[in-house]
Amino acid sequence: MKCPSCGSEYPYHDGNLWVCPECAHEWNEETQADTAGAEDSSVVRDANGNQLADGDTVTVLKDLKIKGSSQAVKGGTKVKNIRLVDAGDGHNIACKIAGFGAMNLKSEFVKKS
C-alpha cells in the first residue's frame, strides 16, 4: 500500500484508516478504491451534467452581469466554438460573444446546444 497523496511506502493501518507518517494523510482503503475508478476531475460539465468539449455550442441559461460594465449577457444567448480552459477562479470556458468580445464563463451557467 502506498500513500495516494505523497506516494510514501510507509503508511500504517490505524483502526479502519490508513495513515501516512510522512505527510499525515489519512484515508479509508474502501473509499480509496471507489475514487480510483472515478472519472477525471478535468472533465467539464454543463448545468445539466452533459460533458463539454472544445468547439461545442452552448446556450447561456440566465442573465449574466459583466464585471465593470453596465451591460449583461442575456439568457438564451448562443455561444459558438467554446474553448475549455483551466482557470483557477472557476471560469472554465473561454469564448467570444457577439457584441461583448472575448470573455470567460462558468460551465454551471450554460447548457449544451
C-alpha atoms as a PDB file:
ATOM      1  CA  MET A   1       0.000   0.000   0.000  1.00  0.00           C
ATOM      2  CA  LYS A   2       1.319   3.445  -0.972  1.00  0.00           C
ATOM      3  CA  CYS A   3       0.085   6.823   0.186  1.00  0.00           C
ATOM      4  CA  PRO A   4      -2.205   8.306  -2.513  1.00  0.00           C
ATOM      5  CA  SER A   5      -1.113  11.807  -1.531  1.00  0.00           C
ATOM      6  CA  CYS A   6       2.685  11.641  -1.486  1.00  0.00           C
ATOM      7  CA  GLY A   7       3.460   8.108  -2.686  1.00  0.00           C
ATOM      8  CA  SER A   8       5.230   7.082   0.531  1.00  0.00           C
ATOM      9  CA  GLU A   9       5.806   3.371   1.014  1.00  0.00           C
ATOM     10  CA  TYR A  10       5.442   3.562   4.812  1.00  0.00           C
ATOM     11  CA  PRO A  11       1.734   4.040   5.626  1.00  0.00           C
ATOM     12  CA  TYR A  12       0.372   2.085   8.560  1.00  0.00           C
ATOM     13  CA  HIS A  13      -3.059   0.761   9.461  1.00  0.00           C
ATOM     14  CA  ASP A  14      -4.778   2.525  12.379  1.00  0.00           C
ATOM     15  CA  GLY A  15      -8.234   1.157  13.143  1.00  0.00           C
ATOM     16  CA  ASN A  16     -10.199   1.441   9.899  1.00  0.00           C
ATOM     17  CA  LEU A  17      -7.911   4.117   8.418  1.00  0.00           C
ATOM     18  CA  TRP A  18      -4.535   4.115   6.738  1.00  0.00           C
ATOM     19  CA  VAL A  19      -2.154   6.871   7.908  1.00  0.00           C
ATOM     20  CA  CYS A  20       0.938   8.197   6.145  1.00  0.00           C
ATOM     21  CA  PRO A  21       3.716   9.088   8.603  1.00  0.00           C
ATOM     22  CA  GLU A  22       5.426  11.400   6.098  1.00  0.00           C
ATOM     23  CA  CYS A  23       2.534  13.696   5.059  1.00  0.00           C
ATOM     24  CA  ALA A  24      -0.086  12.824   7.752  1.00  0.00           C
ATOM     25  CA  HIS A  25      -2.665  11.947   5.073  1.00  0.00           C
ATOM     26  CA  GLU A  26      -5.434   9.618   6.303  1.00  0.00           C
ATOM     27  CA  TRP A  27      -7.689   7.542   4.076  1.00  0.00           C
ATOM     28  CA  ASN A  28     -10.056   4.606   4.140  1.00  0.00           C
ATOM     29  CA  GLU A  29      -8.990   1.737   1.898  1.00  0.00           C
ATOM     30  CA  GLU A  30     -12.575   1.143   0.683  1.00  0.00           C
ATOM     31  CA  THR A  31     -13.241   4.761  -0.285  1.00  0.00           C
ATOM     32  CA  GLN A  32      -9.809   4.987  -1.905  1.00  0.00           C
ATOM     33  CA  ALA A  33     -10.754   2.055  -4.170  1.00  0.00           C
ATOM     34  CA  ASP A  34     -14.028   3.818  -5.068  1.00  0.00           C
ATOM     35  CA  THR A  35     -12.317   7.073  -6.001  1.00  0.00           C
ATOM     36  CA  ALA A  36      -9.630   5.304  -8.036  1.00  0.00           C
ATOM     37  CA  GLY A  37     -12.276   4.363 -10.592  1.00  0.00           C
ATOM     38  CA  ALA A  38     -13.929   7.787 -10.580  1.00  0.00           C
ATOM     39  CA  GLU A  39     -13.656   9.942 -13.675  1.00  0.00           C
ATOM     40  CA  ASP A  40     -11.032  12.612 -14.089  1.00  0.00           C
ATOM     41  CA  SER A  41     -11.698  15.953 -12.400  1.00  0.00           C
ATOM     42  CA  SER A  42     -10.670  17.787 -15.561  1.00  0.00           C
ATOM     43  CA  VAL A  43     -13.969  16.844 -17.246  1.00  0.00           C
ATOM     44  CA  VAL A  44     -16.124  19.952 -17.690  1.00  0.00           C
ATOM     45  CA  ARG A  45     -19.895  19.519 -17.460  1.00  0.00           C
ATOM     46  CA  ASP A  46     -22.739  21.945 -18.152  1.00  0.00           C
ATOM     47  CA  ALA A  47     -25.657  22.734 -15.826  1.00  0.00           C
ATOM     48  CA  ASN A  48     -27.486  19.581 -16.977  1.00  0.00           C
ATOM     49  CA  GLY A  49     -24.495  17.277 -16.496  1.00  0.00           C
ATOM     50  CA  ASN A  50     -23.574  16.942 -20.177  1.00  0.00           C
ATOM     51  CA  GLN A  51     -19.863  16.732 -20.916  1.00  0.00           C
ATOM     52  CA  LEU A  52     -18.499  19.737 -22.814  1.00  0.00           C
ATOM     53  CA  ALA A  53     -15.658  19.705 -25.341  1.00  0.00           C
ATOM     54  CA  ASP A  54     -13.697  22.276 -27.324  1.00  0.00           C
ATOM     55  CA  GLY A  55     -15.706  23.605 -30.269  1.00  0.00           C
ATOM     56  CA  ASP A  56     -19.147  22.937 -28.738  1.00  0.00           C
ATOM     57  CA  THR A  57     -22.021  25.402 -28.921  1.00  0.00           C
ATOM     58  CA  VAL A  58     -23.662  26.346 -25.624  1.00  0.00           C
ATOM     59  CA  THR A  59     -26.608  28.492 -24.547  1.00  0.00           C
ATOM     60  CA  VAL A  60     -26.430  30.870 -21.572  1.00  0.00           C
ATOM     61  CA  LEU A  61     -29.117  29.955 -19.019  1.00  0.00           C
ATOM     62  CA  LYS A  62     -29.631  33.271 -17.217  1.00  0.00           C
ATOM     63  CA  ASP A  63     -28.658  36.914 -17.476  1.00  0.00           C
ATOM     64  CA  LEU A  64     -25.006  37.286 -16.506  1.00  0.00           C
ATOM     65  CA  LYS A  65     -23.751  40.668 -15.316  1.00  0.00           C
ATOM     66  CA  ILE A  66     -20.360  41.645 -16.662  1.00  0.00           C
ATOM     67  CA  LYS A  67     -17.991  42.948 -14.035  1.00  0.00           C
ATOM     68  CA  GLY A  68     -17.030  46.560 -14.733  1.00  0.00           C
ATOM     69  CA  SER A  69     -19.807  47.111 -17.267  1.00  0.00           C
ATOM     70  CA  SER A  70     -23.442  48.130 -17.195  1.00  0.00           C
ATOM     71  CA  GLN A  71     -24.292  45.507 -19.822  1.00  0.00           C
ATOM     72  CA  ALA A  72     -25.282  41.890 -19.245  1.00  0.00           C
ATOM     73  CA  VAL A  73     -25.197  38.748 -21.364  1.00  0.00           C
ATOM     74  CA  LYS A  74     -28.866  37.805 -21.763  1.00  0.00           C
ATOM     75  CA  GLY A  75     -30.160  34.339 -21.009  1.00  0.00           C
ATOM     76  CA  GLY A  76     -30.699  32.353 -24.202  1.00  0.00           C
ATOM     77  CA  THR A  77     -27.609  33.784 -25.935  1.00  0.00           C
ATOM     78  CA  LYS A  78     -25.904  31.117 -28.061  1.00  0.00           C
ATOM     79  CA  VAL A  79     -22.131  30.920 -27.821  1.00  0.00           C
ATOM     80  CA  LYS A  80     -20.363  29.021 -30.598  1.00  0.00           C
ATOM     81  CA  ASN A  81     -16.965  27.392 -30.691  1.00  0.00           C
ATOM     82  CA  ILE A  82     -16.125  27.399 -26.987  1.00  0.00           C
ATOM     83  CA  ARG A  83     -12.672  26.541 -25.666  1.00  0.00           C
ATOM     84  CA  LEU A  84     -12.185  24.755 -22.342  1.00  0.00           C
ATOM     85  CA  VAL A  85      -9.580  26.291 -20.052  1.00  0.00           C
ATOM     86  CA  ASP A  86      -8.320  25.537 -16.552  1.00  0.00           C
ATOM     87  CA  ALA A  87      -8.709  28.852 -14.762  1.00  0.00           C
ATOM     88  CA  GLY A  88      -8.253  28.980 -11.009  1.00  0.00           C
ATOM     89  CA  ASP A  89     -11.262  31.251 -10.467  1.00  0.00           C
ATOM     90  CA  GLY A  90     -13.888  28.737 -11.652  1.00  0.00           C
ATOM     91  CA  HIS A  91     -14.303  30.195 -15.134  1.00  0.00           C
ATOM     92  CA  ASN A  92     -13.605  27.154 -17.293  1.00  0.00           C
ATOM     93  CA  ILE A  93     -14.973  28.247 -20.696  1.00  0.00           C
ATOM     94  CA  ALA A  94     -13.211  30.792 -22.915  1.00  0.00           C
ATOM     95  CA  CYS A  95     -15.330  32.180 -25.762  1.00  0.00           C
ATOM     96  CA  LYS A  96     -16.254  35.174 -27.889  1.00  0.00           C
ATOM     97  CA  ILE A  97     -19.747  36.586 -27.568  1.00  0.00           C
ATOM     98  CA  ALA A  98     -21.093  38.848 -30.302  1.00  0.00           C
ATOM     99  CA  GLY A  99     -21.376  42.409 -29.006  1.00  0.00           C
ATOM    100  CA  PHE A 100     -19.187  41.699 -25.965  1.00  0.00           C
ATOM    101  CA  GLY A 101     -15.954  40.181 -27.284  1.00  0.00           C
ATOM    102  CA  ALA A 102     -13.740  37.621 -25.600  1.00  0.00           C
ATOM    103  CA  MET A 103     -14.704  36.513 -22.101  1.00  0.00           C
ATOM    104  CA  ASN A 104     -14.700  33.563 -19.737  1.00  0.00           C
ATOM    105  CA  LEU A 105     -17.809  31.792 -18.458  1.00  0.00           C
ATOM    106  CA  LYS A 106     -18.539  29.238 -15.754  1.00  0.00           C
ATOM    107  CA  SER A 107     -19.916  25.950 -17.050  1.00  0.00           C
ATOM    108  CA  GLU A 108     -22.645  25.933 -14.393  1.00  0.00           C
ATOM    109  CA  PHE A 109     -24.414  28.801 -16.199  1.00  0.00           C
ATOM    110  CA  VAL A 110     -24.591  27.224 -19.664  1.00  0.00           C
ATOM    111  CA  LYS A 111     -26.198  24.232 -21.313  1.00  0.00           C
ATOM    112  CA  LYS A 112     -25.010  22.316 -24.342  1.00  0.00           C
ATOM    113  CA  SER A 113     -26.933  23.111 -27.523  1.00  0.00           C
END
